[in-house]
N, C-alpha and C. Protein backbone atom coordinates (compact mmCIF):
# COMPACT_ATOMS: atom_id res chain seq x y z
N UNK A 1 96.55 186.97 133.07
CA UNK A 1 97.82 187.65 133.08
C UNK A 1 98.89 186.73 132.48
N UNK A 2 99.73 187.24 131.64
CA UNK A 2 100.78 186.45 130.99
C UNK A 2 101.80 185.90 131.99
N UNK A 3 102.07 186.64 133.01
CA UNK A 3 103.07 186.18 133.98
C UNK A 3 102.65 184.88 134.65
N UNK A 4 101.38 184.67 134.82
CA UNK A 4 100.89 183.44 135.45
C UNK A 4 101.17 182.22 134.58
N UNK A 5 101.41 182.41 133.29
CA UNK A 5 101.68 181.28 132.41
C UNK A 5 103.14 180.84 132.41
N UNK A 6 104.01 181.60 133.06
CA UNK A 6 105.41 181.22 133.18
C UNK A 6 105.52 180.03 134.11
N UNK A 7 106.20 178.98 133.66
CA UNK A 7 106.35 177.79 134.49
C UNK A 7 107.80 177.50 134.86
N UNK A 8 108.74 178.25 134.31
CA UNK A 8 110.15 178.06 134.64
C UNK A 8 110.40 178.52 136.08
N UNK A 9 111.26 177.82 136.81
CA UNK A 9 111.60 178.27 138.18
C UNK A 9 112.23 179.66 138.13
N UNK A 10 111.92 180.45 139.14
CA UNK A 10 112.43 181.83 139.23
C UNK A 10 113.25 181.98 140.50
N UNK A 11 114.43 182.54 140.36
CA UNK A 11 115.26 182.94 141.51
C UNK A 11 115.41 184.44 141.43
N UNK A 12 114.78 185.15 142.34
CA UNK A 12 114.85 186.61 142.40
C UNK A 12 115.83 187.00 143.48
N UNK A 13 116.76 187.87 143.13
CA UNK A 13 117.81 188.28 144.06
C UNK A 13 117.74 189.79 144.24
N UNK A 14 117.80 190.21 145.48
CA UNK A 14 117.87 191.64 145.76
C UNK A 14 118.94 191.89 146.80
N UNK A 15 119.38 193.12 146.85
CA UNK A 15 120.37 193.56 147.83
C UNK A 15 119.66 194.36 148.91
N UNK A 16 120.16 194.28 150.12
CA UNK A 16 119.54 195.00 151.23
C UNK A 16 119.59 196.51 151.03
N UNK A 17 120.52 196.99 150.19
CA UNK A 17 120.59 198.43 149.94
C UNK A 17 120.08 198.80 148.55
N UNK A 18 119.28 197.92 147.95
CA UNK A 18 118.69 198.18 146.64
C UNK A 18 117.47 199.08 146.84
N UNK A 19 117.52 200.26 146.28
CA UNK A 19 116.43 201.22 146.46
C UNK A 19 115.29 201.01 145.46
N UNK A 20 115.49 200.14 144.47
CA UNK A 20 114.45 199.87 143.48
C UNK A 20 113.85 198.48 143.69
N UNK A 21 114.68 197.46 143.72
CA UNK A 21 114.22 196.09 143.90
C UNK A 21 114.15 195.74 145.37
N UNK A 22 113.30 196.42 146.09
CA UNK A 22 113.17 196.19 147.52
C UNK A 22 112.48 194.85 147.79
N UNK A 23 112.56 194.38 149.01
CA UNK A 23 111.88 193.13 149.37
C UNK A 23 110.39 193.23 149.08
N UNK A 24 109.69 194.31 149.47
CA UNK A 24 108.26 194.40 149.12
C UNK A 24 108.02 194.39 147.61
N UNK A 25 108.89 195.03 146.84
CA UNK A 25 108.72 195.04 145.38
C UNK A 25 108.92 193.65 144.79
N UNK A 26 109.90 192.92 145.30
CA UNK A 26 110.14 191.55 144.84
C UNK A 26 108.93 190.68 145.17
N UNK A 27 108.40 190.83 146.37
CA UNK A 27 107.22 190.04 146.76
C UNK A 27 106.04 190.34 145.85
N UNK A 28 105.77 191.62 145.61
CA UNK A 28 104.65 191.99 144.74
C UNK A 28 104.81 191.41 143.34
N UNK A 29 106.01 191.52 142.80
CA UNK A 29 106.26 191.02 141.44
C UNK A 29 106.11 189.51 141.36
N UNK A 30 106.71 188.80 142.30
CA UNK A 30 106.67 187.34 142.25
C UNK A 30 105.27 186.79 142.47
N UNK A 31 104.41 187.52 143.13
CA UNK A 31 103.03 187.06 143.30
C UNK A 31 102.32 186.88 141.96
N UNK A 32 102.77 187.56 140.94
CA UNK A 32 102.15 187.46 139.61
C UNK A 32 102.52 186.17 138.90
N UNK A 33 103.62 185.54 139.29
CA UNK A 33 104.12 184.34 138.62
C UNK A 33 103.59 183.09 139.33
N UNK A 34 102.31 182.92 139.31
CA UNK A 34 101.66 181.85 140.08
C UNK A 34 101.94 180.46 139.53
N UNK A 35 102.35 180.34 138.27
CA UNK A 35 102.64 179.04 137.70
C UNK A 35 104.06 178.57 137.87
N UNK A 36 104.89 179.39 138.48
CA UNK A 36 106.32 179.09 138.62
C UNK A 36 106.69 178.81 140.07
N UNK A 37 107.72 177.99 140.23
CA UNK A 37 108.33 177.83 141.55
C UNK A 37 109.15 179.10 141.76
N UNK A 38 108.91 179.81 142.84
CA UNK A 38 109.54 181.10 143.09
C UNK A 38 110.39 181.07 144.35
N UNK A 39 111.61 181.56 144.22
CA UNK A 39 112.52 181.67 145.36
C UNK A 39 113.07 183.08 145.36
N UNK A 40 113.11 183.70 146.52
CA UNK A 40 113.65 185.05 146.65
C UNK A 40 114.81 185.04 147.64
N UNK A 41 115.85 185.78 147.29
CA UNK A 41 117.09 185.83 148.08
C UNK A 41 117.42 187.28 148.40
N UNK A 42 117.79 187.52 149.65
CA UNK A 42 118.23 188.84 150.08
C UNK A 42 119.71 188.76 150.44
N UNK A 43 120.52 189.49 149.69
CA UNK A 43 121.96 189.56 149.98
C UNK A 43 122.29 190.92 150.57
N UNK A 44 123.36 190.97 151.33
CA UNK A 44 123.84 192.21 151.93
C UNK A 44 125.20 192.54 151.32
N UNK A 45 125.52 193.81 151.17
CA UNK A 45 126.82 194.18 150.61
C UNK A 45 127.99 193.49 151.32
N UNK A 46 127.87 193.32 152.62
CA UNK A 46 128.93 192.66 153.38
C UNK A 46 129.18 191.23 152.93
N UNK A 47 128.14 190.55 152.40
CA UNK A 47 128.32 189.20 151.88
C UNK A 47 129.31 189.19 150.72
N UNK A 48 129.46 190.34 150.09
CA UNK A 48 130.35 190.46 148.93
C UNK A 48 131.60 191.26 149.26
N UNK A 49 131.78 191.55 150.54
CA UNK A 49 132.94 192.31 150.96
C UNK A 49 132.90 193.76 150.52
N UNK A 50 131.71 194.31 150.40
CA UNK A 50 131.53 195.68 149.92
C UNK A 50 130.73 196.49 150.94
N UNK A 51 130.98 197.79 151.00
CA UNK A 51 130.18 198.62 151.89
C UNK A 51 128.80 198.92 151.31
N UNK A 52 128.69 198.89 149.96
CA UNK A 52 127.39 199.10 149.31
C UNK A 52 127.41 198.44 147.93
N UNK A 53 126.23 198.09 147.48
CA UNK A 53 126.08 197.49 146.15
C UNK A 53 124.96 198.18 145.38
N UNK A 54 123.80 198.35 146.02
CA UNK A 54 122.68 199.03 145.36
C UNK A 54 122.03 198.18 144.29
N UNK A 55 121.36 198.84 143.35
CA UNK A 55 120.57 198.14 142.34
C UNK A 55 121.38 197.70 141.12
N UNK A 56 122.19 198.57 140.58
CA UNK A 56 122.85 198.27 139.32
C UNK A 56 124.26 197.70 139.45
N UNK A 57 124.88 197.78 140.58
CA UNK A 57 126.28 197.39 140.72
C UNK A 57 126.53 195.90 140.47
N UNK A 58 125.54 195.06 140.70
CA UNK A 58 125.76 193.62 140.47
C UNK A 58 126.09 193.31 139.02
N UNK A 59 125.77 194.23 138.12
CA UNK A 59 126.07 194.03 136.71
C UNK A 59 127.47 194.51 136.35
N UNK A 60 128.16 195.12 137.28
CA UNK A 60 129.52 195.61 137.04
C UNK A 60 130.48 194.43 137.02
N UNK A 61 131.46 194.48 136.15
CA UNK A 61 132.38 193.34 136.00
C UNK A 61 133.23 193.08 137.24
N UNK A 62 133.20 193.96 138.20
CA UNK A 62 133.93 193.69 139.45
C UNK A 62 133.29 192.54 140.23
N UNK A 63 132.07 192.15 139.85
CA UNK A 63 131.40 191.02 140.50
C UNK A 63 131.53 189.72 139.69
N UNK A 64 132.30 189.76 138.61
CA UNK A 64 132.41 188.60 137.72
C UNK A 64 132.96 187.36 138.43
N UNK A 65 133.93 187.52 139.29
CA UNK A 65 134.56 186.36 139.94
C UNK A 65 133.76 185.87 141.15
N UNK A 66 132.77 186.60 141.58
CA UNK A 66 131.98 186.21 142.75
C UNK A 66 130.53 185.98 142.39
N UNK A 67 129.75 187.04 142.39
CA UNK A 67 128.31 186.95 142.15
C UNK A 67 127.97 186.28 140.82
N UNK A 68 128.65 186.66 139.76
CA UNK A 68 128.34 186.08 138.44
C UNK A 68 128.60 184.58 138.42
N UNK A 69 129.72 184.16 139.00
CA UNK A 69 130.02 182.72 139.06
C UNK A 69 128.98 182.00 139.90
N UNK A 70 128.62 182.57 141.04
CA UNK A 70 127.60 181.95 141.89
C UNK A 70 126.27 181.83 141.14
N UNK A 71 125.93 182.84 140.37
CA UNK A 71 124.68 182.84 139.61
C UNK A 71 124.65 181.71 138.58
N UNK A 72 125.80 181.33 138.08
CA UNK A 72 125.85 180.23 137.11
C UNK A 72 125.33 178.91 137.68
N UNK A 73 125.47 178.72 139.00
CA UNK A 73 124.93 177.51 139.62
C UNK A 73 123.42 177.42 139.38
N UNK A 74 122.76 178.57 139.45
CA UNK A 74 121.32 178.59 139.20
C UNK A 74 121.02 178.41 137.72
N UNK A 75 121.70 179.16 136.89
CA UNK A 75 121.42 179.12 135.46
C UNK A 75 121.76 177.77 134.83
N UNK A 76 122.84 177.17 135.28
CA UNK A 76 123.28 175.91 134.70
C UNK A 76 122.63 174.69 135.34
N UNK A 77 122.53 174.71 136.68
CA UNK A 77 122.13 173.51 137.42
C UNK A 77 120.82 173.64 138.20
N UNK A 78 120.26 174.86 138.26
CA UNK A 78 119.04 175.05 139.03
C UNK A 78 119.26 175.01 140.53
N UNK A 79 120.49 175.27 140.96
CA UNK A 79 120.84 175.24 142.38
C UNK A 79 120.97 176.67 142.91
N UNK A 80 120.21 176.99 143.94
CA UNK A 80 120.29 178.30 144.57
C UNK A 80 121.61 178.37 145.34
N UNK A 81 122.53 179.25 144.94
CA UNK A 81 123.81 179.33 145.64
C UNK A 81 123.73 180.05 146.99
N UNK A 82 122.55 180.56 147.32
CA UNK A 82 122.37 181.27 148.59
C UNK A 82 121.17 180.70 149.35
N UNK A 83 121.13 179.41 149.63
CA UNK A 83 119.95 178.82 150.25
C UNK A 83 119.65 179.35 151.66
N UNK A 84 120.64 179.81 152.37
CA UNK A 84 120.42 180.33 153.71
C UNK A 84 120.01 181.78 153.73
N UNK A 85 119.78 182.39 152.57
CA UNK A 85 119.47 183.81 152.52
C UNK A 85 118.12 184.07 151.82
N UNK A 86 117.28 183.06 151.79
CA UNK A 86 115.97 183.23 151.18
C UNK A 86 115.04 183.98 152.15
N UNK A 87 114.01 184.58 151.59
CA UNK A 87 112.99 185.20 152.43
C UNK A 87 111.61 184.79 151.94
N UNK A 88 110.67 184.85 152.87
CA UNK A 88 109.31 184.40 152.58
C UNK A 88 108.62 185.34 151.62
N UNK A 89 107.83 184.74 150.75
CA UNK A 89 107.05 185.53 149.81
C UNK A 89 105.69 185.78 150.41
């Protein structure tokens, strides 16, 4: 499987109200990336001061000053900005 050849660290993020990227779906997907260090994070809408976020809302520019900036810590420095919100794979 090609996914097993990926060696870059992976940070998978899902929302508790995500109807597509559920925790079981994230676990199933990450199991394929056996060559990578894998970390999974579960966020709740309340962490972002929102009543709901769902699957696609994190890409909305209303998250630019929060979620997007936090994500840069991972992309730039390899630091998980949500270390207390990881879940077991």
